[in-house]
Amino acid sequence: MTSLVGTAAFAQGSKQAPKLVPQDQSGTITLDVTRVNFLYTVTDKKGRFVTNLAQEDFEIIESKKPQNILEFVAETNLPLRLGVLVDTSNSIRDRFRFQQEAAVEFLRSVMRQQDKAIVVGFDTSAELIADMTTDVDKLEKAVRGMRPGGGTSLYDAVFFACRDKMMQDQPMHKFRRALVVLSDGDDNQSRYTRDQALEMAQKADTVLYTISTNITRMPSDGDKVLKYFSDQTGGTYFSPFKVNDLTQSFENIANELRSQYNVLYRPEPLKTDGLFHPVDIRVKGRKELQVRARKGYYAPRM
């Protein structure tokens, strides 16, 4: 048995990929008590990235109070820590090839030498198909070797990928963490809830880019789940109908991941209550500009 970071472990068979096994939530999450870090992007009304703003252009509001920015930098070259989460359940069997091609396209278009990625498949349970690596060929082989079957444990996959992999490299503000989720969003097997999965993503400072495999052109409850994950973490929801439609989407994701602003501030008043604290980042006097960031952070409990 191979140990994971945190409290989870792999249950590994002779020929099967290791499964991510649910345990308790007592894994240590290291947070700076005195300052909060936010990575975010700014776009105009046409969705174009705005990368020429300065510290004085922004304001951060927490608990209805403006916060004092301690550090600010335009991040253009942060190393990436990526997770590609592929739905392998029976419900997407007829779209599985589409998902595989999409996942491979993303990895080949985004990965650079300094970046690392994992591949996770999820049906009845979540399985780590390829561990954190810089080897794109290994990641592609893992994706192409996946086969569909079983239920859907989307929430477990997000929870474990964030807790056991996305938080490995420290300090957290030196890396950009993102999950790309390819799924219909219809979870029916997870032990963790949607909100528990979201909480772990927020604690891991991980943005979710969700890609729907729903090809009916009618929004489903699963699509609402995928959009919720993206909205709450500062990511983007996509609903393409063929792999070719993803080319521009993946280019946008790559550009966004490398066109970030990074701010650090000390919350006033400082609270160590273990609760979620909503945060609003705005561009002063520029209502036509949209800031995309996670909706807040979990304070450490002291």
Protein backbone atom coordinates (compact mmCIF):
# COMPACT_ATOMS: atom_id res chain seq x y z
CA MET A 1 0.00 0.00 0.00
CA THR A 2 1.32 3.42 -0.99
CA SER A 3 0.57 6.32 1.32
CA LEU A 4 -0.96 9.56 0.13
CA VAL A 5 -0.22 12.98 1.52
CA GLY A 6 -2.59 13.68 4.39
CA THR A 7 -4.65 10.85 5.82
CA ALA A 8 -5.86 8.91 2.79
CA ALA A 9 -4.18 5.83 1.39
CA PHE A 10 -4.23 3.80 -1.81
CA ALA A 11 -5.87 0.38 -1.94
CA GLN A 12 -3.96 -1.09 -4.84
CA GLY A 13 -4.74 -4.28 -6.70
CA SER A 14 -2.39 -6.16 -9.00
CA LYS A 15 -3.76 -4.73 -12.24
CA GLN A 16 -6.05 -1.93 -11.19
CA ALA A 17 -5.21 1.70 -10.56
CA PRO A 18 -5.02 2.66 -6.87
CA LYS A 19 -8.30 3.75 -5.35
CA LEU A 20 -8.60 6.81 -3.21
CA VAL A 21 -9.97 5.48 0.06
CA PRO A 22 -12.16 7.75 2.25
CA GLN A 23 -10.95 8.19 5.80
CA ASP A 24 -11.41 11.00 8.30
CA GLN A 25 -10.70 14.68 7.66
CA SER A 26 -7.89 15.03 10.20
CA GLY A 27 -5.18 15.65 7.59
CA THR A 28 -3.12 18.70 8.44
CA ILE A 29 -3.79 21.79 6.32
CA THR A 30 -1.16 24.45 6.75
CA LEU A 31 -2.46 28.02 6.61
CA ASP A 32 -0.78 31.28 7.50
CA VAL A 33 -2.71 32.65 10.46
CA THR A 34 -1.81 36.27 9.79
CA ARG A 35 -2.32 36.69 6.04
CA VAL A 36 -4.56 35.54 3.21
CA ASN A 37 -3.49 34.96 -0.38
CA PHE A 38 -5.70 35.39 -3.46
CA LEU A 39 -4.86 34.62 -7.07
CA TYR A 40 -7.37 36.05 -9.53
CA THR A 41 -7.96 37.21 -13.09
CA VAL A 42 -9.63 40.30 -14.52
CA THR A 43 -11.61 40.36 -17.78
CA ASP A 44 -13.52 42.99 -19.74
CA LYS A 45 -17.06 42.69 -21.08
CA LYS A 46 -15.83 40.66 -24.05
CA GLY A 47 -13.99 38.19 -21.85
CA ARG A 48 -10.52 39.48 -22.72
CA PHE A 49 -7.90 39.34 -19.99
CA VAL A 50 -6.82 42.65 -18.48
CA THR A 51 -3.21 42.33 -17.30
CA ASN A 52 -1.97 45.93 -16.95
CA LEU A 53 -3.57 46.89 -13.63
CA ALA A 54 -1.61 48.02 -10.55
CA GLN A 55 -2.11 47.51 -6.81
CA GLU A 56 -3.86 50.85 -6.37
CA ASP A 57 -6.51 49.77 -8.91
CA PHE A 58 -7.91 47.12 -6.55
CA GLU A 59 -9.83 47.02 -3.32
CA ILE A 60 -10.47 43.98 -1.13
CA ILE A 61 -13.58 43.87 1.01
CA GLU A 62 -13.97 41.42 3.90
CA SER A 63 -16.71 41.71 6.53
CA LYS A 64 -17.80 44.95 4.80
CA LYS A 65 -14.39 46.45 5.61
CA PRO A 66 -11.67 47.43 3.09
CA GLN A 67 -8.46 45.47 3.68
CA ASN A 68 -4.89 46.71 3.46
CA ILE A 69 -2.93 44.93 0.72
CA LEU A 70 0.49 43.84 2.00
CA GLU A 71 1.87 42.39 -1.23
CA PHE A 72 0.78 42.61 -4.85
CA VAL A 73 2.25 41.15 -8.02
CA ALA A 74 1.09 40.34 -11.54
CA GLU A 75 1.85 36.62 -11.84
CA THR A 76 2.58 35.55 -15.41
CA ASN A 77 4.70 32.46 -14.99
CA LEU A 78 3.60 30.55 -11.89
CA PRO A 79 4.31 26.80 -11.97
CA LEU A 80 1.06 24.88 -12.36
CA ARG A 81 -0.23 21.99 -10.31
CA LEU A 82 -3.04 20.46 -12.31
CA GLY A 83 -5.55 17.69 -11.92
CA VAL A 84 -7.53 16.19 -14.79
CA LEU A 85 -10.62 14.47 -13.39
CA VAL A 86 -12.39 12.22 -15.88
CA ASP A 87 -15.85 10.78 -15.34
CA THR A 88 -15.66 7.05 -16.12
CA SER A 89 -19.20 6.13 -15.05
CA ASN A 90 -21.78 4.28 -17.14
CA SER A 91 -23.81 7.47 -17.55
CA ILE A 92 -21.24 8.94 -19.93
CA ARG A 93 -20.31 5.75 -21.81
CA ASP A 94 -21.43 7.16 -25.18
CA ARG A 95 -19.31 10.29 -24.62
CA PHE A 96 -16.25 8.64 -23.10
CA ARG A 97 -14.05 8.95 -26.17
CA PHE A 98 -14.90 12.64 -26.26
CA GLN A 99 -13.70 13.00 -22.67
CA GLN A 100 -10.44 11.18 -23.34
CA GLU A 101 -9.62 13.35 -26.36
CA ALA A 102 -10.49 16.49 -24.40
CA ALA A 103 -8.26 15.51 -21.48
CA VAL A 104 -5.30 14.73 -23.75
CA GLU A 105 -5.81 17.98 -25.66
CA PHE A 106 -5.72 19.96 -22.44
CA LEU A 107 -2.56 18.33 -21.12
CA ARG A 108 -0.65 18.76 -24.35
CA SER A 109 -1.72 22.38 -24.78
CA VAL A 110 -1.01 23.57 -21.23
CA MET A 111 1.83 21.57 -19.67
CA ARG A 112 5.33 23.05 -19.54
CA GLN A 113 8.55 21.73 -18.01
CA GLN A 114 7.92 23.32 -14.61
CA ASP A 115 4.34 22.08 -14.38
CA LYS A 116 3.02 18.87 -12.86
CA ALA A 117 -0.30 17.09 -13.22
CA ILE A 118 -2.30 14.11 -12.02
CA VAL A 119 -5.07 12.12 -13.70
CA VAL A 120 -8.02 10.86 -11.65
CA GLY A 121 -10.83 8.68 -12.92
CA PHE A 122 -14.08 8.41 -11.01
CA ASP A 123 -17.01 6.04 -11.27
CA THR A 124 -18.18 4.07 -8.22
CA SER A 125 -15.01 5.30 -6.50
CA ALA A 126 -12.23 7.78 -7.29
CA GLU A 127 -8.97 6.31 -8.59
CA LEU A 128 -5.58 7.94 -9.08
CA ILE A 129 -4.65 6.86 -12.61
CA ALA A 130 -1.41 8.87 -12.85
CA ASP A 131 0.35 10.46 -9.88
CA MET A 132 1.82 13.98 -9.92
CA THR A 133 4.33 14.12 -12.78
CA THR A 134 5.85 16.35 -15.46
CA ASP A 135 5.72 13.50 -18.03
CA VAL A 136 2.94 14.35 -20.51
CA ASP A 137 3.35 11.02 -22.35
CA LYS A 138 2.72 9.17 -19.09
CA LEU A 139 -0.35 11.30 -18.41
CA GLU A 140 -1.71 10.72 -21.93
CA LYS A 141 -1.17 6.96 -21.65
CA ALA A 142 -3.06 6.97 -18.37
CA VAL A 143 -6.00 8.84 -19.89
CA ARG A 144 -6.20 6.59 -22.95
CA GLY A 145 -6.09 3.48 -20.76
CA MET A 146 -9.24 4.38 -18.84
CA ARG A 147 -12.48 2.44 -19.34
CA PRO A 148 -16.05 3.42 -18.34
CA GLY A 149 -18.30 1.57 -15.89
CA GLY A 150 -20.07 2.02 -12.55
CA GLY A 151 -21.69 4.92 -10.70
CA THR A 152 -20.45 8.50 -10.28
CA SER A 153 -18.36 9.76 -7.35
CA LEU A 154 -17.57 13.28 -8.57
CA TYR A 155 -17.51 14.89 -5.13
CA ASP A 156 -15.09 12.30 -3.75
CA ALA A 157 -12.77 12.83 -6.70
CA VAL A 158 -12.68 16.60 -6.15
CA PHE A 159 -12.25 16.17 -2.39
CA PHE A 160 -9.33 13.75 -2.60
CA ALA A 161 -7.55 15.46 -5.49
CA CYS A 162 -7.54 18.72 -3.53
CA ARG A 163 -6.72 17.33 -0.10
CA ASP A 164 -4.15 14.69 -1.03
CA LYS A 165 -2.48 16.16 -4.14
CA MET A 166 -3.11 19.85 -4.78
CA MET A 167 -1.76 20.89 -1.37
CA GLN A 168 1.51 18.96 -1.64
CA ASP A 169 3.80 21.75 -2.86
CA GLN A 170 4.32 24.62 -0.44
CA PRO A 171 4.19 27.53 0.07
CA MET A 172 0.73 27.63 -1.46
CA HIS A 173 1.09 31.07 -3.07
CA LYS A 174 4.07 29.92 -5.18
CA PHE A 175 1.93 27.60 -7.34
CA ARG A 176 -1.28 27.90 -9.31
CA ARG A 177 -3.60 24.97 -8.62
CA ALA A 178 -6.43 23.93 -10.91
CA LEU A 179 -8.67 20.95 -11.61
CA VAL A 180 -10.20 20.32 -15.01
CA VAL A 181 -13.31 18.20 -14.52
CA LEU A 182 -14.91 16.35 -17.44
CA SER A 183 -18.30 15.00 -16.36
CA ASP A 184 -22.06 15.19 -16.67
CA GLY A 185 -22.08 16.34 -13.02
CA ASP A 186 -24.61 13.73 -11.87
CA ASP A 187 -23.10 12.36 -8.64
CA ASN A 188 -24.72 9.27 -7.10
CA GLN A 189 -21.92 7.44 -5.25
CA SER A 190 -19.83 9.92 -3.25
CA ARG A 191 -19.31 9.63 0.49
CA TYR A 192 -18.59 13.33 0.69
CA THR A 193 -21.13 16.01 -0.19
CA ARG A 194 -20.94 18.71 -2.83
CA ASP A 195 -20.24 21.35 -0.20
CA GLN A 196 -17.57 19.26 1.51
CA ALA A 197 -15.82 18.90 -1.85
CA LEU A 198 -16.11 22.64 -2.45
CA GLU A 199 -14.75 23.40 1.03
CA MET A 200 -11.69 21.26 0.37
CA ALA A 201 -11.11 22.97 -2.99
CA GLN A 202 -11.25 26.36 -1.29
CA LYS A 203 -8.87 25.26 1.46
CA ALA A 204 -6.47 23.97 -1.22
CA ASP A 205 -6.77 27.28 -3.14
CA THR A 206 -7.72 25.26 -6.22
CA VAL A 207 -9.79 26.62 -9.08
CA LEU A 208 -12.15 24.28 -10.93
CA TYR A 209 -12.69 24.40 -14.68
CA THR A 210 -15.65 22.18 -15.46
CA ILE A 211 -16.46 20.73 -18.88
CA SER A 212 -19.93 19.26 -19.32
CA THR A 213 -20.44 16.10 -21.35
CA ASN A 214 -24.15 16.85 -21.65
CA ILE A 215 -24.87 17.02 -25.39
CA THR A 216 -28.66 17.44 -25.22
CA ARG A 217 -28.42 21.25 -25.37
CA MET A 218 -30.79 21.28 -22.37
CA PRO A 219 -29.23 22.31 -19.01
CA SER A 220 -29.37 19.50 -16.45
CA ASP A 221 -29.02 19.36 -12.67
CA GLY A 222 -25.50 18.05 -13.28
CA ASP A 223 -24.67 21.14 -15.32
CA LYS A 224 -25.80 23.28 -12.38
CA VAL A 225 -23.40 21.39 -10.11
CA LEU A 226 -20.49 21.88 -12.51
CA LYS A 227 -21.25 25.57 -12.89
CA TYR A 228 -21.51 25.95 -9.10
CA PHE A 229 -18.03 24.48 -8.59
CA SER A 230 -16.53 26.81 -11.20
CA ASP A 231 -18.32 29.92 -9.97
CA GLN A 232 -17.39 29.37 -6.33
CA THR A 233 -13.69 28.71 -7.00
CA GLY A 234 -13.10 31.38 -9.65
CA GLY A 235 -13.02 29.02 -12.62
CA THR A 236 -15.09 28.66 -15.79
CA TYR A 237 -17.84 26.28 -16.91
CA PHE A 238 -17.83 24.99 -20.50
CA SER A 239 -20.50 23.08 -22.42
CA PRO A 240 -18.93 22.08 -25.77
CA PHE A 241 -20.50 19.58 -28.18
CA LYS A 242 -17.37 18.18 -29.83
CA VAL A 243 -13.66 18.02 -29.10
CA ASN A 244 -12.87 20.67 -31.71
CA ASP A 245 -14.95 23.16 -29.73
CA LEU A 246 -12.51 22.79 -26.88
CA THR A 247 -9.49 24.25 -28.67
CA GLN A 248 -10.37 27.84 -27.84
CA SER A 249 -11.57 26.86 -24.37
CA PHE A 250 -8.26 25.22 -23.50
CA GLU A 251 -6.34 28.19 -24.88
CA ASN A 252 -8.41 30.46 -22.65
CA ILE A 253 -7.72 28.26 -19.62
CA ALA A 254 -3.99 28.26 -20.35
CA ASN A 255 -3.91 32.04 -20.78
CA GLU A 256 -5.93 32.53 -17.61
CA LEU A 257 -3.69 30.29 -15.52
CA ARG A 258 -0.70 32.39 -16.59
CA SER A 259 -2.36 35.81 -16.41
CA GLN A 260 -2.96 36.17 -12.69
CA TYR A 261 -2.84 38.88 -10.10
CA ASN A 262 -1.68 37.81 -6.65
CA VAL A 263 -2.48 39.73 -3.45
CA LEU A 264 -1.68 39.06 0.18
CA TYR A 265 -3.34 40.85 3.05
CA ARG A 266 -3.76 40.53 6.82
CA PRO A 267 -7.47 40.29 7.66
CA GLU A 268 -8.76 43.06 9.90
CA PRO A 269 -10.23 42.05 12.22
CA LEU A 270 -8.19 38.85 12.37
CA LYS A 271 -10.34 35.80 13.14
CA THR A 272 -9.20 32.23 13.82
CA ASP A 273 -12.63 30.62 14.05
CA GLY A 274 -12.32 27.92 11.37
CA LEU A 275 -15.23 29.46 9.47
CA PHE A 276 -15.64 30.55 5.87
CA HIS A 277 -15.10 34.27 5.32
CA PRO A 278 -16.50 35.81 2.11
CA VAL A 279 -14.17 38.16 0.25
CA ASP A 280 -14.93 40.54 -2.59
CA ILE A 281 -12.13 41.81 -4.87
CA ARG A 282 -13.04 44.79 -7.04
CA VAL A 283 -11.43 47.08 -9.59
CA LYS A 284 -11.99 50.61 -8.32
CA GLY A 285 -14.25 52.70 -10.54
CA ARG A 286 -14.29 50.08 -13.33
CA LYS A 287 -17.63 48.30 -13.17
CA GLU A 288 -17.12 47.02 -16.72
CA LEU A 289 -14.25 44.82 -15.49
CA GLN A 290 -14.96 41.47 -13.86
CA VAL A 291 -12.71 39.92 -11.23
CA ARG A 292 -12.77 36.12 -11.19
CA ALA A 293 -11.60 34.66 -7.89
CA ARG A 294 -12.70 32.21 -5.25
CA LYS A 295 -15.49 33.59 -3.08
CA GLY A 296 -13.56 33.60 0.18
CA TYR A 297 -11.37 31.50 2.47
CA TYR A 298 -11.52 29.28 5.53
CA ALA A 299 -9.78 30.77 8.51
CA PRO A 300 -7.63 28.44 10.61
CA ARG A 301 -9.05 27.38 13.96
CA MET A 302 -6.85 28.25 16.94
